[in-house]
Amino acid sequence: MNIDIRKSIINNFKDNNVGEIKDSIVNSIKDRDEITLPGLGVFFEILWNNSNENEKDNILTILKKGL
């Protein structure tokens, strides 16, 4: 069985509004649920791929600060 995790996660959230997406992210982080890490990774990939170079630099600065 071949599952495309990216497509599955995108399909699960494509009809959600911003508040629902935010709630999913906040709850995933708050609950420290390891099973949600791939979904958060897909969200990050979408964020990265849709950011310009300045936004990417900002993301990297925030990540570095957090580490």
N, C-alpha and C. Protein backbone atom coordinates (compact mmCIF):
# COMPACT_ATOMS: atom_id res chain seq x y z
N MET A 1 0.84 -1.18 0.00
CA MET A 1 0.00 0.00 0.00
C MET A 1 0.89 1.24 0.00
N ASN A 2 0.68 2.13 -0.95
CA ASN A 2 1.48 3.33 -1.09
C ASN A 2 0.62 4.54 -0.73
N ILE A 3 1.00 5.23 0.34
CA ILE A 3 0.25 6.39 0.82
C ILE A 3 1.08 7.64 0.58
N ASP A 4 0.48 8.63 -0.05
CA ASP A 4 1.13 9.92 -0.23
C ASP A 4 0.71 10.81 0.94
N ILE A 5 1.58 10.92 1.93
CA ILE A 5 1.26 11.65 3.15
C ILE A 5 0.95 13.11 2.85
N ARG A 6 1.74 13.73 1.98
CA ARG A 6 1.52 15.13 1.65
C ARG A 6 0.11 15.35 1.11
N LYS A 7 -0.26 14.56 0.11
CA LYS A 7 -1.59 14.71 -0.49
C LYS A 7 -2.69 14.44 0.52
N SER A 8 -2.49 13.45 1.34
CA SER A 8 -3.49 13.11 2.35
C SER A 8 -3.70 14.26 3.34
N ILE A 9 -2.62 14.84 3.82
CA ILE A 9 -2.71 15.94 4.78
C ILE A 9 -3.34 17.16 4.11
N ILE A 10 -2.91 17.47 2.90
CA ILE A 10 -3.48 18.61 2.18
C ILE A 10 -4.97 18.41 1.96
N ASN A 11 -5.37 17.21 1.57
CA ASN A 11 -6.79 16.92 1.36
C ASN A 11 -7.59 17.03 2.65
N ASN A 12 -6.97 16.63 3.78
CA ASN A 12 -7.67 16.70 5.06
C ASN A 12 -7.91 18.14 5.52
N PHE A 13 -7.08 19.07 5.07
CA PHE A 13 -7.18 20.45 5.55
C PHE A 13 -7.64 21.45 4.51
N LYS A 14 -7.77 21.04 3.25
CA LYS A 14 -8.03 22.01 2.18
C LYS A 14 -9.33 22.78 2.34
N ASP A 15 -10.31 22.23 3.02
CA ASP A 15 -11.58 22.93 3.20
C ASP A 15 -11.70 23.59 4.56
N ASN A 16 -10.66 23.50 5.39
CA ASN A 16 -10.69 24.11 6.72
C ASN A 16 -10.45 25.61 6.60
N ASN A 17 -11.03 26.35 7.54
CA ASN A 17 -10.75 27.79 7.58
C ASN A 17 -9.49 28.04 8.39
N VAL A 18 -9.04 29.28 8.42
CA VAL A 18 -7.79 29.64 9.10
C VAL A 18 -7.84 29.27 10.58
N GLY A 19 -8.96 29.50 11.22
CA GLY A 19 -9.09 29.18 12.64
C GLY A 19 -8.94 27.69 12.91
N GLU A 20 -9.51 26.88 12.06
CA GLU A 20 -9.41 25.42 12.22
C GLU A 20 -7.97 24.95 12.01
N ILE A 21 -7.30 25.53 11.05
CA ILE A 21 -5.90 25.17 10.81
C ILE A 21 -5.05 25.58 12.00
N LYS A 22 -5.28 26.79 12.49
CA LYS A 22 -4.54 27.26 13.67
C LYS A 22 -4.79 26.34 14.86
N ASP A 23 -6.04 26.00 15.11
CA ASP A 23 -6.37 25.10 16.23
C ASP A 23 -5.64 23.78 16.10
N SER A 24 -5.58 23.24 14.90
CA SER A 24 -4.88 21.96 14.68
C SER A 24 -3.40 22.09 15.00
N ILE A 25 -2.79 23.19 14.57
CA ILE A 25 -1.37 23.41 14.84
C ILE A 25 -1.13 23.58 16.33
N VAL A 26 -1.91 24.44 16.97
CA VAL A 26 -1.74 24.71 18.40
C VAL A 26 -1.95 23.44 19.22
N ASN A 27 -3.00 22.70 18.91
CA ASN A 27 -3.27 21.47 19.66
C ASN A 27 -2.20 20.42 19.45
N SER A 28 -1.69 20.32 18.24
CA SER A 28 -0.63 19.36 17.96
C SER A 28 0.62 19.66 18.78
N ILE A 29 0.95 20.93 18.86
CA ILE A 29 2.13 21.33 19.63
C ILE A 29 1.88 21.18 21.12
N LYS A 30 0.72 21.62 21.57
CA LYS A 30 0.37 21.55 23.00
C LYS A 30 0.34 20.10 23.49
N ASP A 31 -0.24 19.23 22.70
CA ASP A 31 -0.39 17.83 23.10
C ASP A 31 0.90 17.03 22.93
N ARG A 32 1.89 17.63 22.25
CA ARG A 32 3.16 16.96 21.98
C ARG A 32 2.92 15.58 21.35
N ASP A 33 1.97 15.55 20.45
CA ASP A 33 1.56 14.31 19.79
C ASP A 33 2.50 14.00 18.63
N GLU A 34 3.32 12.97 18.79
CA GLU A 34 4.32 12.61 17.78
C GLU A 34 3.69 12.27 16.44
N ILE A 35 2.49 11.77 16.45
CA ILE A 35 1.84 11.35 15.20
C ILE A 35 1.54 12.55 14.30
N THR A 36 1.47 13.75 14.89
CA THR A 36 1.15 14.94 14.09
C THR A 36 2.39 15.59 13.47
N LEU A 37 3.57 15.13 13.82
CA LEU A 37 4.79 15.74 13.29
C LEU A 37 4.86 15.73 11.76
N PRO A 38 4.47 14.65 11.09
CA PRO A 38 4.49 14.71 9.62
C PRO A 38 3.56 15.79 9.06
N GLY A 39 2.41 15.99 9.69
CA GLY A 39 1.48 17.03 9.25
C GLY A 39 2.07 18.41 9.42
N LEU A 40 2.72 18.63 10.56
CA LEU A 40 3.37 19.92 10.78
C LEU A 40 4.50 20.13 9.78
N GLY A 41 5.17 19.05 9.43
CA GLY A 41 6.22 19.13 8.42
C GLY A 41 5.66 19.52 7.05
N VAL A 42 4.50 18.99 6.71
CA VAL A 42 3.86 19.35 5.45
C VAL A 42 3.45 20.82 5.48
N PHE A 43 2.91 21.27 6.63
CA PHE A 43 2.57 22.69 6.76
C PHE A 43 3.81 23.55 6.58
N PHE A 44 4.93 23.14 7.19
CA PHE A 44 6.17 23.91 7.05
C PHE A 44 6.62 23.93 5.59
N GLU A 45 6.52 22.80 4.92
CA GLU A 45 6.91 22.73 3.51
C GLU A 45 6.06 23.70 2.67
N ILE A 46 4.77 23.75 2.94
CA ILE A 46 3.88 24.67 2.23
C ILE A 46 4.28 26.11 2.52
N LEU A 47 4.54 26.40 3.79
CA LEU A 47 4.97 27.74 4.19
C LEU A 47 6.25 28.14 3.47
N TRP A 48 7.22 27.25 3.50
CA TRP A 48 8.53 27.52 2.88
C TRP A 48 8.39 27.74 1.37
N ASN A 49 7.65 26.85 0.72
CA ASN A 49 7.51 26.93 -0.74
C ASN A 49 6.72 28.14 -1.21
N ASN A 50 5.95 28.74 -0.31
CA ASN A 50 5.13 29.89 -0.68
C ASN A 50 5.66 31.20 -0.08
N SER A 51 6.89 31.17 0.39
CA SER A 51 7.51 32.36 0.97
C SER A 51 8.54 32.93 0.02
N ASN A 52 8.68 34.26 0.04
CA ASN A 52 9.74 34.87 -0.75
C ASN A 52 11.04 34.79 0.04
N GLU A 53 12.12 35.28 -0.54
CA GLU A 53 13.44 35.15 0.11
C GLU A 53 13.51 35.88 1.44
N ASN A 54 12.89 37.06 1.53
CA ASN A 54 12.89 37.79 2.81
C ASN A 54 12.14 37.02 3.88
N GLU A 55 11.01 36.45 3.51
CA GLU A 55 10.22 35.66 4.46
C GLU A 55 10.99 34.41 4.90
N LYS A 56 11.69 33.78 3.96
CA LYS A 56 12.50 32.61 4.29
C LYS A 56 13.62 32.98 5.26
N ASP A 57 14.25 34.12 5.03
CA ASP A 57 15.29 34.59 5.96
C ASP A 57 14.71 34.80 7.36
N ASN A 58 13.51 35.37 7.43
CA ASN A 58 12.84 35.58 8.70
C ASN A 58 12.52 34.25 9.39
N ILE A 59 12.02 33.31 8.63
CA ILE A 59 11.73 31.98 9.18
C ILE A 59 13.00 31.36 9.76
N LEU A 60 14.09 31.44 9.01
CA LEU A 60 15.36 30.88 9.46
C LEU A 60 15.87 31.57 10.72
N THR A 61 15.69 32.88 10.79
CA THR A 61 16.11 33.63 11.98
C THR A 61 15.30 33.19 13.20
N ILE A 62 14.00 33.04 13.02
CA ILE A 62 13.13 32.59 14.11
C ILE A 62 13.51 31.17 14.54
N LEU A 63 13.75 30.30 13.58
CA LEU A 63 14.15 28.92 13.91
C LEU A 63 15.46 28.91 14.67
N LYS A 64 16.44 29.66 14.19
CA LYS A 64 17.75 29.69 14.85
C LYS A 64 17.62 30.20 16.28
N LYS A 65 16.82 31.26 16.47
CA LYS A 65 16.59 31.81 17.80
C LYS A 65 15.99 30.75 18.74
N GLY A 66 15.06 29.97 18.20
CA GLY A 66 14.37 28.96 18.98
C GLY A 66 15.23 27.77 19.33
N LEU A 67 16.29 27.57 18.57
CA LEU A 67 17.17 26.43 18.84
C LEU A 67 18.18 26.80 19.91
